[in-house]
Amino acid sequence: MTAHGFLMPQSVMNSDKPVAFQLTDLQDNSTMNPKPTPLDLGPEGPWGVRQEWWILGITTVALLVLDAFVFRRLPQTFKSHLCLTFVWLLIGLLFNVHVFVRYGKDEAIYWLTGYFLEWMLSADNLCVFSLILTAYRTPPELMHKALFFGLLGCIGLRLCFFLVVSNVMNHQVMLQVAMGVFLVLSGLQGMMSDDDDDEDIADSRLVKALQRCLGKRLEPSYDVVNRRLFVVRDNRVCATLLVLVILLLELTDVMFALDSVSAKIAAVPERYTAYSSTVFAVFGLRAAFFILHSLTEYLEHMKKGIAFVVVFIGVQLILARSFHFPAWSTCAVSTVALSSSAIYSCYSPGSSGRDKKKDDPLPEKTPEK
């Protein structure tokens, strides 16, 4: 054996080919399955941020402005929410065309996959959001503001998750169990509630606990007139209940983002594609939330169905490590529970759902001035 034998594979030593040709063959084999080439996101702009990230950021800000100053002033009807959902879907598909022109068919398919995957993975968020806003009796004129701030937090937090998802996932088990217990208790409370609108929200356990922690810094009511997050009482800045609702929405989104982000990273290898598809899907999901919440106004028993779905989601989070739930389980349970409660609302004696027309404005909802 020569000295070179210690540095060469056995197949090279036993072959009749010259060593030079054999080494060339090995190099060719090593390049047969190259790693995916990272996307060319364009030249660096200010602060070292690539051009495509700037395009995404500017587009997102423009859409936020469009939503805050144009869409929120539309009549709050079921038909308008349905049209807005279609508009957001169309905007998402237009950005997908940009990805197709810029990077080709394969990356456009990845983007579309990530877009609809976010819709499927975030469908259960809508039920939890509806339960939170209903449980804390958020006035209809403040729902858009609560979800707008929730949308801002979602966009920022998802970006952080895509950047540091591996570190976040290390604490997933503890967060899952805590959030699961909270959802089960909230869902059971929603199922057993008698829909008494005269009940004072200040008597809820969470509000009382926050009052013990914050004292007079918490105003146990909403500022319906001025629609502010903070008010001044006795020369003291106090947080309204709208701040509490926004924090609960953010906490819920953080918990569900752990699963959706990890699933999207597995399905969509390019980080820019995965995140941009998430951003556009979130806009559409927020519009779809108003459709779901509008149905609860028409169909009184649908709130019970949403509460049941929330309990099931909580059980899933608690038992995630010890029991495997099929990927379709949440979708199936949600479909059965919501459709059953809707049908029961339509045909149950004394149901208010049959007396309301689909195109009439929602109760107590008026366009903002």
Protein backbone atom coordinates (compact mmCIF):
# COMPACT_ATOMS: atom_id res chain seq x y z
CA MET A 1 0.00 0.00 0.00
CA THR A 2 1.31 3.40 -0.94
CA ALA A 3 1.18 6.46 1.18
CA HIS A 4 -1.62 7.73 -1.00
CA GLY A 5 -3.71 4.68 -0.07
CA PHE A 6 -4.39 6.13 3.32
CA LEU A 7 -6.00 9.17 1.70
CA MET A 8 -8.10 7.48 -1.01
CA PRO A 9 -11.34 5.48 -0.92
CA GLN A 10 -11.04 1.71 -1.37
CA SER A 11 -12.97 1.89 -4.66
CA VAL A 12 -10.26 4.16 -6.08
CA MET A 13 -7.46 1.86 -5.00
CA ASN A 14 -9.08 -1.26 -6.49
CA SER A 15 -10.07 0.31 -9.81
CA ASP A 16 -8.16 -0.12 -13.06
CA LYS A 17 -8.75 3.54 -14.00
CA PRO A 18 -5.94 6.03 -13.55
CA VAL A 19 -6.16 7.90 -10.30
CA ALA A 20 -6.72 11.25 -12.02
CA PHE A 21 -9.86 10.01 -13.80
CA GLN A 22 -11.19 8.39 -10.61
CA LEU A 23 -10.81 11.61 -8.60
CA THR A 24 -12.66 13.47 -11.35
CA ASP A 25 -15.53 10.97 -11.08
CA LEU A 26 -15.73 11.53 -7.31
CA GLN A 27 -15.94 15.27 -7.80
CA ASP A 28 -18.72 14.87 -10.36
CA ASN A 29 -20.70 12.65 -7.97
CA SER A 30 -20.39 15.19 -5.17
CA THR A 31 -22.10 17.82 -7.32
CA MET A 32 -25.01 15.69 -8.48
CA ASN A 33 -27.23 16.85 -5.56
CA PRO A 34 -26.21 20.43 -4.88
CA LYS A 35 -27.78 22.45 -2.09
CA PRO A 36 -30.60 24.83 -3.10
CA THR A 37 -29.22 28.12 -4.30
CA PRO A 38 -30.33 31.04 -2.07
CA LEU A 39 -32.57 33.59 -3.74
CA ASP A 40 -30.97 36.68 -5.16
CA LEU A 41 -32.78 39.32 -3.09
CA GLY A 42 -31.14 42.15 -4.95
CA PRO A 43 -28.44 44.62 -3.96
CA GLU A 44 -28.10 45.90 -0.43
CA GLY A 45 -30.00 49.05 0.41
CA PRO A 46 -29.96 51.25 3.51
CA TRP A 47 -28.81 49.52 6.72
CA GLY A 48 -27.62 46.55 4.66
CA VAL A 49 -31.16 45.34 3.91
CA ARG A 50 -31.66 43.63 0.55
CA GLN A 51 -33.85 45.18 -2.13
CA GLU A 52 -36.63 42.55 -1.99
CA TRP A 53 -36.97 43.00 1.78
CA TRP A 54 -37.40 46.74 1.19
CA ILE A 55 -40.08 46.05 -1.42
CA LEU A 56 -41.90 43.75 1.00
CA GLY A 57 -41.64 46.29 3.82
CA ILE A 58 -42.89 49.22 1.75
CA THR A 59 -45.75 47.10 0.36
CA THR A 60 -46.75 46.02 3.87
CA VAL A 61 -46.78 49.61 5.16
CA ALA A 62 -48.88 50.70 2.15
CA LEU A 63 -51.39 47.91 2.83
CA LEU A 64 -51.57 48.88 6.52
CA VAL A 65 -52.32 52.48 5.54
CA LEU A 66 -54.94 51.29 3.04
CA ASP A 67 -56.57 49.18 5.73
CA ALA A 68 -56.44 51.86 8.45
CA PHE A 69 -57.72 54.80 6.42
CA VAL A 70 -59.87 53.23 3.68
CA PHE A 71 -61.15 49.75 4.45
CA ARG A 72 -62.06 50.46 8.08
CA ARG A 73 -64.47 53.19 6.93
CA LEU A 74 -66.55 50.80 4.84
CA PRO A 75 -69.99 49.74 6.13
CA GLN A 76 -69.66 46.88 8.61
CA THR A 77 -71.88 44.35 6.85
CA PHE A 78 -71.47 40.68 6.08
CA LYS A 79 -71.28 41.43 2.36
CA SER A 80 -68.54 44.06 2.82
CA HIS A 81 -66.45 41.66 4.91
CA LEU A 82 -66.87 38.99 2.24
CA CYS A 83 -65.75 41.42 -0.47
CA LEU A 84 -62.74 42.54 1.60
CA THR A 85 -61.64 38.95 2.06
CA PHE A 86 -61.76 38.49 -1.71
CA VAL A 87 -59.78 41.73 -2.20
CA TRP A 88 -57.03 40.57 0.18
CA LEU A 89 -56.88 37.23 -1.62
CA LEU A 90 -56.48 39.07 -4.92
CA ILE A 91 -53.70 41.28 -3.49
CA GLY A 92 -51.87 38.19 -2.28
CA LEU A 93 -52.10 36.57 -5.69
CA LEU A 94 -50.75 39.76 -7.30
CA PHE A 95 -47.67 39.57 -5.10
CA ASN A 96 -47.35 35.93 -6.10
CA VAL A 97 -47.19 37.14 -9.71
CA HIS A 98 -44.29 39.40 -8.68
CA VAL A 99 -42.51 36.37 -7.19
CA PHE A 100 -43.16 34.42 -10.41
CA VAL A 101 -41.72 37.19 -12.61
CA ARG A 102 -38.74 37.70 -10.32
CA TYR A 103 -37.81 34.10 -9.47
CA GLY A 104 -39.73 31.75 -11.75
CA LYS A 105 -42.36 29.07 -11.49
CA ASP A 106 -40.85 26.92 -8.73
CA GLU A 107 -40.49 29.75 -6.22
CA ALA A 108 -43.98 31.02 -7.09
CA ILE A 109 -45.37 27.57 -6.28
CA TYR A 110 -43.49 27.60 -2.98
CA TRP A 111 -44.98 31.02 -2.21
CA LEU A 112 -48.51 29.89 -3.03
CA THR A 113 -48.01 26.77 -0.90
CA GLY A 114 -46.89 28.88 2.04
CA TYR A 115 -49.80 31.29 1.55
CA PHE A 116 -52.54 28.66 1.70
CA LEU A 117 -50.67 26.70 4.37
CA GLU A 118 -50.86 29.79 6.59
CA TRP A 119 -54.60 29.97 5.97
CA MET A 120 -55.07 26.36 7.01
CA LEU A 121 -52.79 26.54 10.05
CA SER A 122 -54.28 29.81 11.30
CA ALA A 123 -57.95 28.94 10.92
CA ASP A 124 -58.16 27.93 14.58
CA ASN A 125 -56.81 31.36 15.59
CA LEU A 126 -60.01 32.92 14.32
CA CYS A 127 -62.13 30.89 16.73
CA VAL A 128 -59.94 31.85 19.69
CA PHE A 129 -59.94 35.53 18.68
CA SER A 130 -63.72 35.50 18.44
CA LEU A 131 -64.01 33.94 21.87
CA ILE A 132 -61.69 36.53 23.44
CA LEU A 133 -63.52 39.49 21.92
CA THR A 134 -66.87 38.01 22.92
CA ALA A 135 -65.79 37.08 26.44
CA TYR A 136 -64.52 40.60 27.16
CA ARG A 137 -67.48 42.20 25.38
CA THR A 138 -65.34 44.32 23.10
CA PRO A 139 -67.56 47.01 21.53
CA PRO A 140 -68.00 46.50 17.76
CA GLU A 141 -66.53 49.94 17.04
CA LEU A 142 -63.28 48.94 18.81
CA MET A 143 -62.83 45.50 17.24
CA HIS A 144 -61.12 46.84 14.15
CA LYS A 145 -58.62 48.76 16.27
CA ALA A 146 -57.90 45.74 18.46
CA LEU A 147 -57.28 43.54 15.44
CA PHE A 148 -55.26 46.25 13.70
CA PHE A 149 -52.77 46.35 16.58
CA GLY A 150 -52.92 42.57 16.67
CA LEU A 151 -51.99 42.56 12.98
CA LEU A 152 -49.00 44.84 13.62
CA GLY A 153 -47.78 42.58 16.42
CA CYS A 154 -48.33 39.49 14.30
CA ILE A 155 -46.20 40.83 11.42
CA GLY A 156 -43.36 41.81 13.76
CA LEU A 157 -43.44 38.66 15.89
CA ARG A 158 -43.59 36.34 12.89
CA LEU A 159 -40.45 37.98 11.52
CA CYS A 160 -38.68 37.35 14.83
CA PHE A 161 -39.87 33.74 14.81
CA PHE A 162 -38.58 33.12 11.31
CA LEU A 163 -35.20 34.53 12.34
CA VAL A 164 -34.81 32.73 15.68
CA VAL A 165 -37.30 29.87 15.40
CA SER A 166 -34.83 27.27 16.69
CA ASN A 167 -34.36 29.09 20.00
CA VAL A 168 -38.08 29.72 20.44
CA MET A 169 -38.99 26.09 19.83
CA ASN A 170 -36.83 25.02 22.78
CA HIS A 171 -39.50 26.41 25.12
CA GLN A 172 -42.48 25.21 23.12
CA VAL A 173 -43.61 22.45 25.50
CA MET A 174 -43.99 24.71 28.51
CA LEU A 175 -45.81 27.36 26.48
CA GLN A 176 -48.10 24.77 24.90
CA VAL A 177 -49.29 23.37 28.21
CA ALA A 178 -49.86 26.82 29.75
CA MET A 179 -51.76 28.05 26.71
CA GLY A 180 -53.70 24.79 26.48
CA VAL A 181 -54.97 25.12 30.05
CA PHE A 182 -55.98 28.73 29.41
CA LEU A 183 -57.89 27.79 26.24
CA VAL A 184 -59.70 24.87 27.91
CA LEU A 185 -60.85 27.05 30.81
CA SER A 186 -61.88 29.88 28.48
CA GLY A 187 -63.74 27.51 26.17
CA LEU A 188 -65.61 25.84 29.02
CA GLN A 189 -66.59 29.23 30.37
CA GLY A 190 -67.87 30.20 26.93
CA MET A 191 -69.89 26.98 26.60
CA MET A 192 -71.50 27.41 30.02
CA SER A 193 -72.19 31.14 29.77
CA ASP A 194 -75.79 32.23 29.43
CA ASP A 195 -75.00 35.19 27.13
CA ASP A 196 -76.06 37.69 29.77
CA ASP A 197 -74.98 41.03 28.35
CA ASP A 198 -75.72 42.79 31.66
CA GLU A 199 -72.83 41.08 33.41
CA ASP A 200 -70.08 43.55 34.34
CA ILE A 201 -66.80 42.66 32.63
CA ALA A 202 -64.96 44.21 35.57
CA ASP A 203 -66.06 41.23 37.67
CA SER A 204 -64.09 38.74 35.53
CA ARG A 205 -61.21 36.94 37.24
CA LEU A 206 -58.52 38.15 34.86
CA VAL A 207 -59.55 41.79 35.22
CA LYS A 208 -59.61 41.47 39.00
CA ALA A 209 -56.16 39.86 38.96
CA LEU A 210 -54.78 42.69 36.83
CA GLN A 211 -56.37 45.24 39.13
CA ARG A 212 -54.53 43.70 42.06
CA CYS A 213 -51.26 43.95 40.10
CA LEU A 214 -51.72 47.36 38.47
CA GLY A 215 -53.99 48.97 41.02
CA LYS A 216 -55.49 52.21 39.73
CA ARG A 217 -53.41 52.00 36.56
CA LEU A 218 -56.09 49.76 35.01
CA GLU A 219 -59.36 51.29 33.89
CA PRO A 220 -61.89 48.39 33.96
CA SER A 221 -63.83 49.72 30.96
CA TYR A 222 -63.47 50.72 27.30
CA ASP A 223 -63.06 54.25 25.99
CA VAL A 224 -65.85 53.97 23.44
CA VAL A 225 -66.11 57.71 22.80
CA ASN A 226 -62.48 58.52 21.94
CA ARG A 227 -61.40 54.91 21.23
CA ARG A 228 -58.11 55.30 23.05
CA LEU A 229 -55.87 52.62 24.52
CA PHE A 230 -54.89 54.78 27.51
CA VAL A 231 -56.87 57.40 29.39
CA VAL A 232 -55.99 59.92 32.12
CA ARG A 233 -57.77 59.49 35.45
CA ASP A 234 -56.86 61.68 38.44
CA ASN A 235 -53.61 62.81 36.76
CA ARG A 236 -52.69 59.16 36.24
CA VAL A 237 -52.30 57.34 32.90
CA CYS A 238 -54.47 54.22 32.97
CA ALA A 239 -54.74 51.33 30.51
CA THR A 240 -58.22 50.51 29.26
CA LEU A 241 -59.61 47.03 28.72
CA LEU A 242 -58.71 47.37 25.05
CA VAL A 243 -55.04 47.03 26.04
CA LEU A 244 -55.86 43.78 27.86
CA VAL A 245 -57.72 42.42 24.82
CA ILE A 246 -54.82 43.29 22.48
CA LEU A 247 -52.34 41.57 24.81
CA LEU A 248 -54.50 38.43 24.88
CA LEU A 249 -54.73 38.45 21.08
CA GLU A 250 -50.93 38.78 20.84
CA LEU A 251 -50.37 36.00 23.37
CA THR A 252 -52.70 33.71 21.44
CA ASP A 253 -50.96 34.49 18.14
CA VAL A 254 -47.53 33.84 19.69
CA MET A 255 -48.61 30.40 20.86
CA PHE A 256 -50.09 29.34 17.53
CA ALA A 257 -47.22 30.90 15.58
CA LEU A 258 -44.83 28.33 17.06
CA ASP A 259 -46.49 25.51 15.15
CA SER A 260 -47.27 27.41 11.96
CA VAL A 261 -43.77 28.88 11.60
CA SER A 262 -42.05 25.53 12.15
CA ALA A 263 -44.40 23.87 9.65
CA LYS A 264 -43.81 26.57 7.04
CA ILE A 265 -40.05 26.39 7.42
CA ALA A 266 -40.28 22.66 6.71
CA ALA A 267 -42.52 23.18 3.66
CA VAL A 268 -40.96 26.36 2.25
CA PRO A 269 -37.15 26.31 2.41
CA GLU A 270 -36.53 29.97 1.51
CA ARG A 271 -37.06 32.27 4.51
CA TYR A 272 -38.10 35.30 2.42
CA THR A 273 -40.73 33.28 0.56
CA ALA A 274 -42.11 31.79 3.77
CA TYR A 275 -42.36 35.12 5.59
CA SER A 276 -43.78 37.18 2.71
CA SER A 277 -46.52 34.61 2.10
CA THR A 278 -47.35 34.74 5.83
CA VAL A 279 -47.71 38.54 5.79
CA PHE A 280 -50.20 38.56 2.92
CA ALA A 281 -52.13 35.63 4.37
CA VAL A 282 -52.52 37.45 7.71
CA PHE A 283 -54.26 40.38 6.00
CA GLY A 284 -56.80 38.01 4.46
CA LEU A 285 -57.26 36.07 7.68
CA ARG A 286 -58.14 39.21 9.60
CA ALA A 287 -60.86 40.03 7.08
CA ALA A 288 -62.11 36.44 7.30
CA PHE A 289 -62.33 36.83 11.09
CA PHE A 290 -65.07 39.44 10.71
CA ILE A 291 -67.05 36.97 8.60
CA LEU A 292 -66.85 34.36 11.35
CA HIS A 293 -67.63 36.87 14.07
CA SER A 294 -70.53 38.27 12.05
CA LEU A 295 -72.05 34.81 11.87
CA THR A 296 -72.03 34.62 15.66
CA GLU A 297 -74.21 37.74 15.68
CA TYR A 298 -76.73 36.12 13.36
CA LEU A 299 -76.54 32.59 14.75
CA GLU A 300 -76.74 32.69 18.54
CA HIS A 301 -75.69 29.07 19.16
CA MET A 302 -72.58 29.40 16.99
CA LYS A 303 -70.75 30.90 19.99
CA LYS A 304 -71.10 27.54 21.71
CA GLY A 305 -69.61 25.82 18.68
CA ILE A 306 -66.65 28.19 18.69
CA ALA A 307 -66.14 27.58 22.42
CA PHE A 308 -66.13 23.81 21.79
CA VAL A 309 -63.48 24.21 19.09
CA VAL A 310 -61.36 26.28 21.50
CA VAL A 311 -61.58 23.52 24.14
CA PHE A 312 -60.47 20.94 21.55
CA ILE A 313 -57.52 23.14 20.54
CA GLY A 314 -56.52 23.49 24.18
CA VAL A 315 -56.63 19.72 24.69
CA GLN A 316 -54.45 19.31 21.61
CA LEU A 317 -51.82 21.64 23.03
CA ILE A 318 -51.80 19.90 26.41
CA LEU A 319 -51.52 16.37 24.96
CA ALA A 320 -49.28 17.24 22.01
CA ARG A 321 -46.26 15.35 23.40
CA SER A 322 -48.09 12.22 24.54
CA PHE A 323 -50.76 11.78 21.87
CA HIS A 324 -50.61 12.34 18.12
CA PHE A 325 -53.54 14.22 16.62
CA PRO A 326 -53.91 13.82 12.83
CA ALA A 327 -53.23 16.95 10.81
CA TRP A 328 -56.86 17.05 9.65
CA SER A 329 -58.37 16.72 13.14
CA THR A 330 -58.68 20.44 13.92
CA CYS A 331 -60.19 21.18 10.51
CA ALA A 332 -62.67 18.31 10.84
CA VAL A 333 -63.73 19.19 14.39
CA SER A 334 -64.06 22.88 13.50
CA THR A 335 -66.16 22.12 10.42
CA VAL A 336 -68.51 19.76 12.27
CA ALA A 337 -68.86 21.97 15.37
CA LEU A 338 -69.43 25.24 13.50
CA SER A 339 -71.77 23.80 10.88
CA SER A 340 -73.79 21.91 13.52
CA SER A 341 -74.15 24.96 15.72
CA ALA A 342 -75.11 27.09 12.71
CA ILE A 343 -77.80 24.64 11.58
CA TYR A 344 -79.13 24.35 15.13
CA SER A 345 -79.29 28.16 15.38
CA CYS A 346 -81.33 28.34 12.19
CA TYR A 347 -83.88 25.71 13.17
CA SER A 348 -84.04 25.94 16.97
CA PRO A 349 -87.21 27.49 18.43
CA GLY A 350 -86.93 31.20 19.11
CA SER A 351 -83.64 31.52 17.25
CA SER A 352 -82.86 35.06 16.16
CA GLY A 353 -80.82 33.81 13.22
CA ARG A 354 -83.89 33.26 11.02
CA ASP A 355 -85.15 36.80 11.60
CA LYS A 356 -82.05 38.59 10.33
CA LYS A 357 -81.18 39.21 6.71
CA LYS A 358 -77.76 38.51 5.39
CA ASP A 359 -77.17 41.93 3.84
CA ASP A 360 -78.42 44.02 6.76
CA PRO A 361 -75.83 45.93 8.79
CA LEU A 362 -74.58 44.07 11.80
CA PRO A 363 -76.11 44.98 15.17
CA GLU A 364 -74.64 48.07 16.78
CA LYS A 365 -71.95 48.41 14.08
CA THR A 366 -71.70 51.73 12.30
CA PRO A 367 -69.06 53.15 9.99
CA GLU A 368 -66.36 55.10 11.73
CA LYS A 369 -66.32 58.85 11.28
